[in-house]
C-alpha cells in the first residue's frame, strides 16, 4: 500500500507532466458537472427512485474516468492498495466508499454513498483483483456513526478497511519473506483486525502471482543487504569494497523509492533486519 496525499493534490498542480495536468478552466468545469450530477442524484433519491438514481451513476462513469491519468500519475502508475502495476491486472478508478450499496460484516445491505459517486476525494486507483473482491463491502466498526446524505459524517466513521490516502493506515500493513501481507509489529488489537479484514477482502495475499512477486522483491533486497554488509566490513582497507558499498547502497535505495513497484516490501525487508545502519538505506 502506498500513501497518496489526495487531500492536498489537484490535477492542476504545476509539478504534474504536461500531458496529465489540467487547466483551471477544465477542472472548474469538471467540478461543476460533478455538482450537477449529484444534484440530479439527490432529486431521484428524494423521490424514492433508487433504481434510476443508480442507473444515472453507471451512465456517467466516464466522468470519473477522466481523472484516471491524474490519479495514476500520483502513484507512478501503481495500484494504491497493492503497489503493483500490471501484476494485479487492469487498473481501475475505484470508489473507496461504495456508491450504490454498502455491506457490513453482518446484517442487511445499507444504501451506498451515492453523493460521493463524483467526488474525486473518494476515488482510488485499484487493480482488478482488489477492486472486484472489495465490491460493495465497506464495514464499519461496531458503534461507528454511519454517514448519510441527510446527515453526512464521513470523517466520524470508523471503517475496517485501510485507506491509502491515510498516512497512518499505510504504516499498519507490513510484508514478510513469503510475500504475505501482514499486520505491522506492535499494532493495536483494533488495527490488527483492520489489517486482516483489508488483506482478506482485497486479496492482498490470496492472489498468488502478487505474493510471488513480493517474495522475489524480498529475496532481491535481502541478498543486496547481505552484499552491502560484507562490503562495508572491508571498506576500511579496500577501495573495491568501498565502491561496492556505494553501488549496492544505490541499488537498495532504488528498490525503496515510492515510484518502484512493490517498494513497501523492500522497506519491510530492511526494517525487519533490526539493524539501524540498514534503516538509513530506505529512500
C-alpha atoms as a PDB file:
ATOM      1  CA  UNK A   1       0.000   0.000   0.000  1.00  0.00           C
ATOM      2  CA  UNK A   2       1.286   3.433  -0.927  1.00  0.00           C
ATOM      3  CA  UNK A   3       0.342   6.716   0.735  1.00  0.00           C
ATOM      4  CA  UNK A   4      -1.341   9.182  -1.607  1.00  0.00           C
ATOM      5  CA  UNK A   5      -1.825  12.673  -0.172  1.00  0.00           C
ATOM      6  CA  UNK A   6      -5.052  13.162  -2.102  1.00  0.00           C
ATOM      7  CA  UNK A   7      -6.362  15.916   0.172  1.00  0.00           C
ATOM      8  CA  UNK A   8      -3.513  18.154  -0.959  1.00  0.00           C
ATOM      9  CA  UNK A   9      -3.403  17.241  -4.642  1.00  0.00           C
ATOM     10  CA  UNK A  10      -5.226  18.616  -7.668  1.00  0.00           C
ATOM     11  CA  UNK A  11      -4.999  17.787 -11.380  1.00  0.00           C
ATOM     12  CA  UNK A  12      -3.973  21.419 -11.963  1.00  0.00           C
ATOM     13  CA  UNK A  13      -0.766  21.104  -9.899  1.00  0.00           C
ATOM     14  CA  UNK A  14       2.260  22.583 -11.650  1.00  0.00           C
ATOM     15  CA  UNK A  15       4.519  19.607 -10.881  1.00  0.00           C
ATOM     16  CA  UNK A  16       2.446  17.220 -12.998  1.00  0.00           C
ATOM     17  CA  UNK A  17       3.537  16.156 -16.505  1.00  0.00           C
ATOM     18  CA  UNK A  18       2.077  18.400 -19.205  1.00  0.00           C
ATOM     19  CA  UNK A  19       0.070  15.538 -20.723  1.00  0.00           C
ATOM     20  CA  UNK A  20      -1.652  14.900 -17.382  1.00  0.00           C
ATOM     21  CA  UNK A  21      -2.045  18.410 -15.963  1.00  0.00           C
ATOM     22  CA  UNK A  22      -5.450  20.082 -16.320  1.00  0.00           C
ATOM     23  CA  UNK A  23      -6.146  23.756 -16.904  1.00  0.00           C
ATOM     24  CA  UNK A  24      -8.056  25.570 -14.173  1.00  0.00           C
ATOM     25  CA  UNK A  25     -10.929  26.092 -16.584  1.00  0.00           C
ATOM     26  CA  UNK A  26     -11.217  22.385 -17.367  1.00  0.00           C
ATOM     27  CA  UNK A  27     -11.018  21.480 -13.673  1.00  0.00           C
ATOM     28  CA  UNK A  28     -13.690  24.004 -12.715  1.00  0.00           C
ATOM     29  CA  UNK A  29     -15.916  22.589 -15.463  1.00  0.00           C
ATOM     30  CA  UNK A  30     -15.375  19.047 -14.164  1.00  0.00           C
ATOM     31  CA  UNK A  31     -16.301  20.096 -10.634  1.00  0.00           C
ATOM     32  CA  UNK A  32     -19.386  21.916 -11.897  1.00  0.00           C
ATOM     33  CA  UNK A  33     -20.526  18.830 -13.794  1.00  0.00           C
ATOM     34  CA  UNK A  34     -19.950  16.730 -10.661  1.00  0.00           C
ATOM     35  CA  UNK A  35     -22.131  19.103  -8.657  1.00  0.00           C
ATOM     36  CA  UNK A  36     -24.828  18.973 -11.334  1.00  0.00           C
ATOM     37  CA  UNK A  37     -24.831  15.183 -11.386  1.00  0.00           C
ATOM     38  CA  UNK A  38     -25.047  14.953  -7.604  1.00  0.00           C
ATOM     39  CA  UNK A  39     -27.972  17.365  -7.734  1.00  0.00           C
ATOM     40  CA  UNK A  40     -29.747  15.046 -10.157  1.00  0.00           C
ATOM     41  CA  UNK A  41     -28.985  12.077  -7.933  1.00  0.00           C
ATOM     42  CA  UNK A  42     -30.409  13.910  -4.927  1.00  0.00           C
ATOM     43  CA  UNK A  43     -33.682  14.586  -6.759  1.00  0.00           C
ATOM     44  CA  UNK A  44     -34.049  10.932  -7.721  1.00  0.00           C
ATOM     45  CA  UNK A  45     -33.192   9.803  -4.210  1.00  0.00           C
ATOM     46  CA  UNK A  46     -35.708  12.183  -2.644  1.00  0.00           C
ATOM     47  CA  UNK A  47     -38.372  10.801  -4.977  1.00  0.00           C
ATOM     48  CA  UNK A  48     -37.521   7.250  -3.964  1.00  0.00           C
ATOM     49  CA  UNK A  49     -36.381   6.417  -7.500  1.00  0.00           C
ATOM     50  CA  UNK A  50     -33.346   4.451  -6.343  1.00  0.00           C
ATOM     51  CA  UNK A  51     -33.042   2.270  -9.433  1.00  0.00           C
ATOM     52  CA  UNK A  52     -32.942   5.333 -11.682  1.00  0.00           C
ATOM     53  CA  UNK A  53     -30.501   7.018  -9.320  1.00  0.00           C
ATOM     54  CA  UNK A  54     -28.103   4.103  -9.577  1.00  0.00           C
ATOM     55  CA  UNK A  55     -28.537   3.891 -13.332  1.00  0.00           C
ATOM     56  CA  UNK A  56     -27.573   7.557 -13.596  1.00  0.00           C
ATOM     57  CA  UNK A  57     -24.350   6.817 -11.703  1.00  0.00           C
ATOM     58  CA  UNK A  58     -23.469   3.972 -14.062  1.00  0.00           C
ATOM     59  CA  UNK A  59     -24.397   6.016 -17.120  1.00  0.00           C
ATOM     60  CA  UNK A  60     -21.870   8.695 -16.144  1.00  0.00           C
ATOM     61  CA  UNK A  61     -18.896   6.512 -15.233  1.00  0.00           C
ATOM     62  CA  UNK A  62     -16.924   8.279 -17.964  1.00  0.00           C
ATOM     63  CA  UNK A  63     -16.965  11.393 -15.776  1.00  0.00           C
ATOM     64  CA  UNK A  64     -14.755   9.910 -13.047  1.00  0.00           C
ATOM     65  CA  UNK A  65     -12.725   8.006 -15.644  1.00  0.00           C
ATOM     66  CA  UNK A  66     -11.458  11.350 -16.945  1.00  0.00           C
ATOM     67  CA  UNK A  67      -9.388  11.643 -13.767  1.00  0.00           C
ATOM     68  CA  UNK A  68      -7.693   8.257 -14.205  1.00  0.00           C
ATOM     69  CA  UNK A  69      -4.470   9.576 -15.840  1.00  0.00           C
ATOM     70  CA  UNK A  70      -4.040  12.075 -12.999  1.00  0.00           C
ATOM     71  CA  UNK A  71      -4.763   9.517 -10.267  1.00  0.00           C
ATOM     72  CA  UNK A  72      -2.307   7.091 -11.871  1.00  0.00           C
ATOM     73  CA  UNK A  73       0.339   9.820 -12.010  1.00  0.00           C
ATOM     74  CA  UNK A  74       0.064  10.284  -8.239  1.00  0.00           C
ATOM     75  CA  UNK A  75       1.297   6.721  -7.664  1.00  0.00           C
ATOM     76  CA  UNK A  76       3.674   6.331 -10.581  1.00  0.00           C
ATOM     77  CA  UNK A  77       1.169   4.114 -12.369  1.00  0.00           C
ATOM     78  CA  UNK A  78       0.743   1.736  -9.419  1.00  0.00           C
ATOM     79  CA  UNK A  79      -2.328   0.333  -7.679  1.00  0.00           C
ATOM     80  CA  UNK A  80      -2.692   2.278  -4.439  1.00  0.00           C
ATOM     81  CA  UNK A  81      -3.550  -0.862  -2.471  1.00  0.00           C
ATOM     82  CA  UNK A  82      -1.051  -3.405  -3.846  1.00  0.00           C
ATOM     83  CA  UNK A  83       1.709  -1.166  -5.276  1.00  0.00           C
ATOM     84  CA  UNK A  84       1.577  -3.329  -8.386  1.00  0.00           C
ATOM     85  CA  UNK A  85       1.327  -2.047 -11.943  1.00  0.00           C
ATOM     86  CA  UNK A  86       0.043  -4.971 -14.006  1.00  0.00           C
ATOM     87  CA  UNK A  87       0.521  -7.842 -11.532  1.00  0.00           C
ATOM     88  CA  UNK A  88      -2.963  -7.275 -10.112  1.00  0.00           C
ATOM     89  CA  UNK A  89      -4.435  -6.896 -13.623  1.00  0.00           C
ATOM     90  CA  UNK A  90      -6.011  -3.805 -15.181  1.00  0.00           C
ATOM     91  CA  UNK A  91      -6.064  -0.666 -13.026  1.00  0.00           C
ATOM     92  CA  UNK A  92      -9.444   0.966 -12.362  1.00  0.00           C
ATOM     93  CA  UNK A  93     -10.771   4.071 -10.661  1.00  0.00           C
ATOM     94  CA  UNK A  94     -12.308   2.611  -7.504  1.00  0.00           C
ATOM     95  CA  UNK A  95     -14.708   4.286  -5.068  1.00  0.00           C
ATOM     96  CA  UNK A  96     -13.376   3.835  -1.521  1.00  0.00           C
ATOM     97  CA  UNK A  97     -16.877   4.303  -0.118  1.00  0.00           C
ATOM     98  CA  UNK A  98     -19.141   2.265  -2.438  1.00  0.00           C
ATOM     99  CA  UNK A  99     -21.526   4.370  -4.461  1.00  0.00           C
ATOM    100  CA  UNK A 100     -24.743   2.314  -4.768  1.00  0.00           C
ATOM    101  CA  UNK A 101     -24.865  -0.096  -1.819  1.00  0.00           C
ATOM    102  CA  UNK A 102     -22.676  -0.847   1.200  1.00  0.00           C
ATOM    103  CA  UNK A 103     -22.223  -4.070   3.138  1.00  0.00           C
ATOM    104  CA  UNK A 104     -21.061  -4.517   6.711  1.00  0.00           C
ATOM    105  CA  UNK A 105     -19.542  -7.684   8.174  1.00  0.00           C
ATOM    106  CA  UNK A 106     -23.081  -8.820   9.026  1.00  0.00           C
ATOM    107  CA  UNK A 107     -26.625  -7.551   8.773  1.00  0.00           C
ATOM    108  CA  UNK A 108     -28.567  -6.123   5.836  1.00  0.00           C
ATOM    109  CA  UNK A 109     -27.058  -4.206   2.957  1.00  0.00           C
ATOM    110  CA  UNK A 110     -27.331  -0.462   3.525  1.00  0.00           C
ATOM    111  CA  UNK A 111     -27.607   2.323   0.986  1.00  0.00           C
ATOM    112  CA  UNK A 112     -24.405   3.358  -0.722  1.00  0.00           C
ATOM    113  CA  UNK A 113     -22.585   6.663  -0.599  1.00  0.00           C
ATOM    114  CA  UNK A 114     -24.160   7.867  -3.827  1.00  0.00           C
ATOM    115  CA  UNK A 115     -23.444  11.542  -3.067  1.00  0.00           C
ATOM    116  CA  UNK A 116     -19.714  10.656  -3.295  1.00  0.00           C
ATOM    117  CA  UNK A 117     -20.015   8.965  -6.693  1.00  0.00           C
ATOM    118  CA  UNK A 118     -18.481  12.019  -8.403  1.00  0.00           C
ATOM    119  CA  UNK A 119     -16.326  13.287  -5.527  1.00  0.00           C
ATOM    120  CA  UNK A 120     -12.677  12.879  -6.506  1.00  0.00           C
ATOM    121  CA  UNK A 121     -11.615  12.598  -2.845  1.00  0.00           C
ATOM    122  CA  UNK A 122     -13.462   9.240  -2.781  1.00  0.00           C
ATOM    123  CA  UNK A 123     -11.545   7.896  -5.787  1.00  0.00           C
ATOM    124  CA  UNK A 124      -8.693   5.387  -5.540  1.00  0.00           C
ATOM    125  CA  UNK A 125      -6.642   3.524  -8.145  1.00  0.00           C
ATOM    126  CA  UNK A 126      -7.093  -0.221  -7.656  1.00  0.00           C
ATOM    127  CA  UNK A 127      -6.143  -3.320  -9.604  1.00  0.00           C
ATOM    128  CA  UNK A 128      -8.924  -5.527 -10.915  1.00  0.00           C
ATOM    129  CA  UNK A 129      -8.263  -8.157  -8.242  1.00  0.00           C
ATOM    130  CA  UNK A 130      -8.725  -5.967  -5.127  1.00  0.00           C
ATOM    131  CA  UNK A 131     -11.417  -3.837  -6.753  1.00  0.00           C
ATOM    132  CA  UNK A 132     -13.705  -6.714  -7.736  1.00  0.00           C
ATOM    133  CA  UNK A 133     -13.143  -8.558  -4.482  1.00  0.00           C
ATOM    134  CA  UNK A 134     -13.982  -5.443  -2.447  1.00  0.00           C
ATOM    135  CA  UNK A 135     -17.180  -4.724  -4.371  1.00  0.00           C
ATOM    136  CA  UNK A 136     -19.825  -3.073  -2.156  1.00  0.00           C
ATOM    137  CA  UNK A 137     -18.147  -4.145   1.087  1.00  0.00           C
ATOM    138  CA  UNK A 138     -17.486  -1.250   3.450  1.00  0.00           C
ATOM    139  CA  UNK A 139     -17.771  -2.497   7.044  1.00  0.00           C
ATOM    140  CA  UNK A 140     -17.739  -0.041   9.925  1.00  0.00           C
ATOM    141  CA  UNK A 141     -16.668  -0.724  13.480  1.00  0.00           C
ATOM    142  CA  UNK A 142     -19.483  -1.651  15.831  1.00  0.00           C
ATOM    143  CA  UNK A 143     -20.954   1.560  17.226  1.00  0.00           C
ATOM    144  CA  UNK A 144     -19.436   3.747  14.498  1.00  0.00           C
ATOM    145  CA  UNK A 145     -21.515   6.613  13.104  1.00  0.00           C
ATOM    146  CA  UNK A 146     -22.776   5.890   9.601  1.00  0.00           C
ATOM    147  CA  UNK A 147     -22.881   8.761   7.141  1.00  0.00           C
ATOM    148  CA  UNK A 148     -25.941   9.535   5.040  1.00  0.00           C
ATOM    149  CA  UNK A 149     -26.805  12.250   2.555  1.00  0.00           C
ATOM    150  CA  UNK A 150     -29.044  13.952   5.096  1.00  0.00           C
ATOM    151  CA  UNK A 151     -26.525  13.658   7.914  1.00  0.00           C
ATOM    152  CA  UNK A 152     -23.055  13.491   6.470  1.00  0.00           C
ATOM    153  CA  UNK A 153     -20.316  12.370   8.846  1.00  0.00           C
ATOM    154  CA  UNK A 154     -17.728  10.500   6.787  1.00  0.00           C
ATOM    155  CA  UNK A 155     -14.993  11.955   8.987  1.00  0.00           C
ATOM    156  CA  UNK A 156     -16.560  10.374  12.079  1.00  0.00           C
ATOM    157  CA  UNK A 157     -16.944   6.904  10.579  1.00  0.00           C
ATOM    158  CA  UNK A 158     -14.570   4.165  11.752  1.00  0.00           C
ATOM    159  CA  UNK A 159     -14.064   1.880   8.727  1.00  0.00           C
ATOM    160  CA  UNK A 160     -12.468  -1.537   8.775  1.00  0.00           C
ATOM    161  CA  UNK A 161     -10.587  -1.082   5.515  1.00  0.00           C
ATOM    162  CA  UNK A 162      -7.192   0.597   5.441  1.00  0.00           C
ATOM    163  CA  UNK A 163      -7.168   3.705   3.280  1.00  0.00           C
ATOM    164  CA  UNK A 164      -4.129   4.526   1.095  1.00  0.00           C
ATOM    165  CA  UNK A 165      -4.935   8.243   1.451  1.00  0.00           C
ATOM    166  CA  UNK A 166      -4.449   7.960   5.224  1.00  0.00           C
ATOM    167  CA  UNK A 167      -0.750   8.128   6.129  1.00  0.00           C
ATOM    168  CA  UNK A 168      -1.336   6.310   9.427  1.00  0.00           C
ATOM    169  CA  UNK A 169      -3.203   3.426   7.785  1.00  0.00           C
ATOM    170  CA  UNK A 170      -0.352   2.779   5.365  1.00  0.00           C
ATOM    171  CA  UNK A 171       2.053   2.201   8.289  1.00  0.00           C
ATOM    172  CA  UNK A 172      -0.121  -0.629   9.642  1.00  0.00           C
ATOM    173  CA  UNK A 173       0.497  -3.003   6.722  1.00  0.00           C
ATOM    174  CA  UNK A 174       3.741  -4.976   6.556  1.00  0.00           C
ATOM    175  CA  UNK A 175       5.072  -7.854   4.430  1.00  0.00           C
ATOM    176  CA  UNK A 176       7.040 -10.987   5.229  1.00  0.00           C
ATOM    177  CA  UNK A 177       9.633 -13.054   3.358  1.00  0.00           C
ATOM    178  CA  UNK A 178       6.911 -15.262   1.843  1.00  0.00           C
ATOM    179  CA  UNK A 179       5.252 -12.288   0.170  1.00  0.00           C
ATOM    180  CA  UNK A 180       2.324 -12.257   2.571  1.00  0.00           C
ATOM    181  CA  UNK A 181       0.670  -9.004   3.670  1.00  0.00           C
ATOM    182  CA  UNK A 182       0.664  -8.978   7.487  1.00  0.00           C
ATOM    183  CA  UNK A 183      -0.037  -6.556  10.349  1.00  0.00           C
ATOM    184  CA  UNK A 184       2.941  -4.378  11.221  1.00  0.00           C
ATOM    185  CA  UNK A 185       4.659  -5.189  14.534  1.00  0.00           C
ATOM    186  CA  UNK A 186       3.115  -3.535  17.586  1.00  0.00           C
ATOM    187  CA  UNK A 187      -0.241  -2.531  16.065  1.00  0.00           C
ATOM    188  CA  UNK A 188      -3.244  -2.276  18.374  1.00  0.00           C
ATOM    189  CA  UNK A 189      -5.852  -5.026  18.543  1.00  0.00           C
ATOM    190  CA  UNK A 190      -8.303  -2.946  16.500  1.00  0.00           C
ATOM    191  CA  UNK A 191      -5.708  -2.100  13.856  1.00  0.00           C
ATOM    192  CA  UNK A 192      -4.814  -5.805  13.678  1.00  0.00           C
ATOM    193  CA  UNK A 193      -8.457  -6.524  12.842  1.00  0.00           C
ATOM    194  CA  UNK A 194      -8.431  -3.775  10.209  1.00  0.00           C
ATOM    195  CA  UNK A 195      -5.317  -5.150   8.522  1.00  0.00           C
ATOM    196  CA  UNK A 196      -6.669  -8.701   8.459  1.00  0.00           C
ATOM    197  CA  UNK A 197     -10.014  -7.523   7.077  1.00  0.00           C
ATOM    198  CA  UNK A 198      -8.311  -5.475   4.360  1.00  0.00           C
ATOM    199  CA  UNK A 199      -5.907  -8.259   3.387  1.00  0.00           C
ATOM    200  CA  UNK A 200      -8.668 -10.888   3.229  1.00  0.00           C
ATOM    201  CA  UNK A 201     -11.301  -8.836   1.417  1.00  0.00           C
ATOM    202  CA  UNK A 202      -8.944  -7.235  -1.117  1.00  0.00           C
ATOM    203  CA  UNK A 203      -6.996 -10.496  -1.732  1.00  0.00           C
ATOM    204  CA  UNK A 204      -3.695  -8.821  -0.876  1.00  0.00           C
ATOM    205  CA  UNK A 205      -2.156 -12.224  -0.113  1.00  0.00           C
ATOM    206  CA  UNK A 206      -4.558 -14.693  -1.730  1.00  0.00           C
ATOM    207  CA  UNK A 207      -3.601 -13.543  -5.243  1.00  0.00           C
ATOM    208  CA  UNK A 208      -0.656 -15.905  -5.747  1.00  0.00           C
ATOM    209  CA  UNK A 209       1.014 -14.026  -8.609  1.00  0.00           C
ATOM    210  CA  UNK A 210       1.193 -10.911  -6.461  1.00  0.00           C
ATOM    211  CA  UNK A 211       2.531 -12.807  -3.441  1.00  0.00           C
ATOM    212  CA  UNK A 212       5.199 -14.460  -5.589  1.00  0.00           C
ATOM    213  CA  UNK A 213       6.390 -11.123  -6.996  1.00  0.00           C
ATOM    214  CA  UNK A 214       6.624  -9.751  -3.450  1.00  0.00           C
ATOM    215  CA  UNK A 215       8.704 -12.789  -2.433  1.00  0.00           C
ATOM    216  CA  UNK A 216      11.099 -12.072  -5.308  1.00  0.00           C
ATOM    217  CA  UNK A 217      11.489  -8.430  -4.233  1.00  0.00           C
ATOM    218  CA  UNK A 218      12.159  -9.544  -0.646  1.00  0.00           C
ATOM    219  CA  UNK A 219      14.801 -12.051  -1.760  1.00  0.00           C
ATOM    220  CA  UNK A 220      16.492  -9.499  -4.005  1.00  0.00           C
ATOM    221  CA  UNK A 221      16.566  -6.947  -1.209  1.00  0.00           C
ATOM    222  CA  UNK A 222      17.869  -9.470   1.329  1.00  0.00           C
ATOM    223  CA  UNK A 223      20.707 -10.518  -0.990  1.00  0.00           C
ATOM    224  CA  UNK A 224      21.679  -6.897  -1.588  1.00  0.00           C
ATOM    225  CA  UNK A 225      21.651  -6.195   2.161  1.00  0.00           C
ATOM    226  CA  UNK A 226      23.978  -9.138   2.755  1.00  0.00           C
ATOM    227  CA  UNK A 227      26.268  -7.963  -0.036  1.00  0.00           C
ATOM    228  CA  UNK A 228      26.243  -4.414   1.353  1.00  0.00           C
ATOM    229  CA  UNK A 229      27.168  -5.524   4.886  1.00  0.00           C
ATOM    230  CA  UNK A 230      30.012  -7.740   3.690  1.00  0.00           C
ATOM    231  CA  UNK A 231      31.432  -4.928   1.566  1.00  0.00           C
ATOM    232  CA  UNK A 232      31.029  -2.484   4.449  1.00  0.00           C
ATOM    233  CA  UNK A 233      33.142  -4.771   6.656  1.00  0.00           C
ATOM    234  CA  UNK A 234      36.056  -4.499   4.193  1.00  0.00           C
ATOM    235  CA  UNK A 235      35.596  -0.856   3.215  1.00  0.00           C
ATOM    236  CA  UNK A 236      38.245   0.488   5.594  1.00  0.00           C
ATOM    237  CA  UNK A 237      41.067  -1.303   3.766  1.00  0.00           C
ATOM    238  CA  UNK A 238      39.718  -1.849   0.234  1.00  0.00           C
ATOM    239  CA  UNK A 239      38.873   0.680  -2.456  1.00  0.00           C
ATOM    240  CA  UNK A 240      36.975  -2.010  -4.362  1.00  0.00           C
ATOM    241  CA  UNK A 241      34.859  -2.727  -1.277  1.00  0.00           C
ATOM    242  CA  UNK A 242      34.104   0.985  -0.872  1.00  0.00           C
ATOM    243  CA  UNK A 243      32.939   1.127  -4.468  1.00  0.00           C
ATOM    244  CA  UNK A 244      30.754  -1.932  -3.893  1.00  0.00           C
ATOM    245  CA  UNK A 245      29.245  -0.300  -0.793  1.00  0.00           C
ATOM    246  CA  UNK A 246      28.344   2.738  -2.880  1.00  0.00           C
ATOM    247  CA  UNK A 247      26.840   0.761  -5.768  1.00  0.00           C
ATOM    248  CA  UNK A 248      24.912  -1.668  -3.551  1.00  0.00           C
ATOM    249  CA  UNK A 249      23.516   1.125  -1.399  1.00  0.00           C
ATOM    250  CA  UNK A 250      22.248   2.788  -4.579  1.00  0.00           C
ATOM    251  CA  UNK A 251      20.507  -0.437  -5.669  1.00  0.00           C
ATOM    252  CA  UNK A 252      18.851  -0.919  -2.278  1.00  0.00           C
ATOM    253  CA  UNK A 253      17.698   2.687  -2.079  1.00  0.00           C
ATOM    254  CA  UNK A 254      16.253   2.420  -5.583  1.00  0.00           C
ATOM    255  CA  UNK A 255      14.087  -0.533  -4.538  1.00  0.00           C
ATOM    256  CA  UNK A 256      12.540   1.525  -1.722  1.00  0.00           C
ATOM    257  CA  UNK A 257      11.696   4.627  -3.731  1.00  0.00           C
ATOM    258  CA  UNK A 258       7.959   5.431  -3.991  1.00  0.00           C
ATOM    259  CA  UNK A 259       7.955   5.002  -7.770  1.00  0.00           C
ATOM    260  CA  UNK A 260       9.417   1.467  -7.555  1.00  0.00           C
ATOM    261  CA  UNK A 261       6.968  -1.407  -7.852  1.00  0.00           C
ATOM    262  CA  UNK A 262       6.314  -3.149  -4.509  1.00  0.00           C
ATOM    263  CA  UNK A 263       8.664  -0.718  -2.743  1.00  0.00           C
ATOM    264  CA  UNK A 264       6.957  -1.342   0.619  1.00  0.00           C
ATOM    265  CA  UNK A 265       8.174  -4.949   0.510  1.00  0.00           C
ATOM    266  CA  UNK A 266      11.787  -3.796   0.179  1.00  0.00           C
ATOM    267  CA  UNK A 267      11.265  -1.326   3.027  1.00  0.00           C
ATOM    268  CA  UNK A 268       9.881  -4.016   5.338  1.00  0.00           C
ATOM    269  CA  UNK A 269      12.720  -6.365   4.458  1.00  0.00           C
ATOM    270  CA  UNK A 270      15.096  -3.674   5.704  1.00  0.00           C
ATOM    271  CA  UNK A 271      13.014  -2.829   8.772  1.00  0.00           C
ATOM    272  CA  UNK A 272      12.762  -6.450   9.871  1.00  0.00           C
ATOM    273  CA  UNK A 273      16.561  -6.688   9.832  1.00  0.00           C
ATOM    274  CA  UNK A 274      16.511  -4.591  13.042  1.00  0.00           C
ATOM    275  CA  UNK A 275      19.859  -3.042  12.132  1.00  0.00           C
ATOM    276  CA  UNK A 276      19.970   0.766  12.456  1.00  0.00           C
ATOM    277  CA  UNK A 277      22.713   1.097   9.838  1.00  0.00           C
ATOM    278  CA  UNK A 278      20.466  -0.554   7.242  1.00  0.00           C
ATOM    279  CA  UNK A 279      17.406   1.565   8.072  1.00  0.00           C
ATOM    280  CA  UNK A 280      19.229   4.573   6.642  1.00  0.00           C
ATOM    281  CA  UNK A 281      19.084   2.968   3.191  1.00  0.00           C
ATOM    282  CA  UNK A 282      15.301   3.450   2.968  1.00  0.00           C
ATOM    283  CA  UNK A 283      14.622   6.233   0.468  1.00  0.00           C
END
